[in-house]
């Protein structure tokens, strides 16, 4: 969970959006996680896995980490001129996986 919190900070994600991206977890649980380690419900494990995959894809795509963090907030034609963060803000695991898969495809040699 700490990794997700660090990514959200680097991407400029507000708490309400972060909770939505994680699958609409409740505010009290999110605040506890921000304060320190806590139990992670199985329901958000796929969200966390996808977020790590997105981060990995960004690191492969951009040699400068700051460019990758900024890319998440820039409108992109792939997402109908929405930002990647807007594309995943609904908390739909399918949106997270689509973004992760897009980044994976962009970083493959073929």
Protein backbone atom coordinates (compact mmCIF):
# COMPACT_ATOMS: atom_id res chain seq x y z
CA UNK A 1 0.00 0.00 0.00
CA UNK A 2 2.88 2.37 0.74
CA UNK A 3 3.97 2.08 -2.90
CA UNK A 4 0.52 3.16 -4.09
CA UNK A 5 0.52 6.12 -1.71
CA UNK A 6 3.94 7.24 -3.00
CA UNK A 7 2.76 6.90 -6.60
CA UNK A 8 -0.37 8.90 -5.89
CA UNK A 9 1.76 11.66 -4.35
CA UNK A 10 4.10 11.74 -7.35
CA UNK A 11 1.18 11.72 -9.80
CA UNK A 12 -0.61 14.49 -7.89
CA UNK A 13 -3.65 12.36 -7.07
CA UNK A 14 -6.01 13.75 -4.41
CA UNK A 15 -7.23 11.43 -1.64
CA UNK A 16 -10.77 11.06 -3.01
CA UNK A 17 -9.43 10.10 -6.43
CA UNK A 18 -6.92 7.72 -4.86
CA UNK A 19 -9.72 5.97 -2.97
CA UNK A 20 -11.69 5.66 -6.21
CA UNK A 21 -8.70 4.28 -8.14
CA UNK A 22 -8.25 1.65 -5.43
CA UNK A 23 -11.80 0.45 -5.95
CA UNK A 24 -13.82 2.87 -3.82
CA UNK A 25 -12.34 1.97 -0.45
CA UNK A 26 -13.85 3.80 2.48
CA UNK A 27 -12.30 6.98 3.84
CA UNK A 28 -11.49 5.57 7.29
CA UNK A 29 -9.53 2.65 5.83
CA UNK A 30 -7.63 4.96 3.49
CA UNK A 31 -6.71 7.32 6.34
CA UNK A 32 -5.42 4.40 8.42
CA UNK A 33 -3.26 3.28 5.52
CA UNK A 34 -1.88 6.77 5.08
CA UNK A 35 -0.98 6.84 8.77
CA UNK A 36 0.86 3.52 8.73
CA UNK A 37 0.83 -0.07 7.63
CA UNK A 38 -2.44 -1.91 7.72
CA UNK A 39 -4.19 -4.96 6.40
CA UNK A 40 -4.92 -4.85 2.67
CA UNK A 41 -8.28 -6.30 1.63
CA UNK A 42 -8.06 -8.88 -1.12
CA UNK A 43 -10.49 -6.82 -3.17
CA UNK A 44 -7.89 -4.14 -3.89
CA UNK A 45 -4.90 -6.41 -4.49
CA UNK A 46 -5.55 -6.42 -8.27
CA UNK A 47 -5.70 -2.60 -8.21
CA UNK A 48 -2.34 -2.42 -6.43
CA UNK A 49 -0.81 -4.92 -8.84
CA UNK A 50 -2.00 -2.90 -11.84
CA UNK A 51 -0.67 0.33 -10.31
CA UNK A 52 2.76 -1.23 -9.89
CA UNK A 53 2.60 -2.40 -13.51
CA UNK A 54 1.69 1.12 -14.62
CA UNK A 55 4.60 2.54 -12.67
CA UNK A 56 6.94 -0.05 -14.19
CA UNK A 57 5.71 0.77 -17.69
CA UNK A 58 6.24 4.48 -17.12
CA UNK A 59 9.78 3.87 -15.87
CA UNK A 60 10.54 1.85 -19.00
CA UNK A 61 8.93 4.39 -21.31
CA UNK A 62 10.62 7.48 -19.83
CA UNK A 63 14.26 7.67 -18.79
CA UNK A 64 13.42 10.71 -16.63
CA UNK A 65 10.97 9.63 -13.89
CA UNK A 66 9.49 13.15 -13.68
CA UNK A 67 8.36 12.93 -17.31
CA UNK A 68 6.57 9.68 -16.53
CA UNK A 69 4.84 11.18 -13.49
CA UNK A 70 3.80 14.20 -15.55
CA UNK A 71 2.54 11.99 -18.41
CA UNK A 72 -0.21 10.72 -16.09
CA UNK A 73 -1.72 14.25 -15.99
CA UNK A 74 -1.47 15.11 -19.68
CA UNK A 75 -4.39 14.68 -22.10
CA UNK A 76 -3.79 11.80 -24.46
CA UNK A 77 -5.57 10.87 -27.70
CA UNK A 78 -5.43 7.20 -26.66
CA UNK A 79 -7.86 8.07 -23.85
CA UNK A 80 -10.12 10.32 -25.97
CA UNK A 81 -8.17 13.39 -24.87
CA UNK A 82 -8.61 12.54 -21.20
CA UNK A 83 -5.57 12.17 -18.97
CA UNK A 84 -4.48 8.68 -17.96
CA UNK A 85 -5.47 9.59 -14.40
CA UNK A 86 -8.96 10.51 -15.56
CA UNK A 87 -9.15 7.22 -17.43
CA UNK A 88 -8.50 5.24 -14.23
CA UNK A 89 -10.25 7.54 -11.74
CA UNK A 90 -13.46 5.50 -11.82
CA UNK A 91 -11.77 2.68 -9.95
CA UNK A 92 -12.64 0.13 -12.63
CA UNK A 93 -9.98 -2.59 -12.58
CA UNK A 94 -10.42 -2.99 -16.33
CA UNK A 95 -9.33 0.64 -16.87
CA UNK A 96 -6.22 0.06 -14.76
CA UNK A 97 -5.38 -3.09 -16.69
CA UNK A 98 -5.94 -1.34 -20.04
CA UNK A 99 -3.50 1.41 -19.03
CA UNK A 100 -0.97 -1.11 -17.76
CA UNK A 101 -1.29 -3.14 -20.97
CA UNK A 102 -0.96 -0.01 -23.11
CA UNK A 103 2.27 0.94 -21.38
CA UNK A 104 3.56 -2.61 -21.61
CA UNK A 105 2.88 -2.65 -25.36
CA UNK A 106 4.64 0.70 -25.80
CA UNK A 107 7.79 -0.58 -24.11
CA UNK A 108 8.11 -3.88 -26.00
CA UNK A 109 10.77 -4.09 -28.69
CA UNK A 110 8.34 -5.45 -31.31
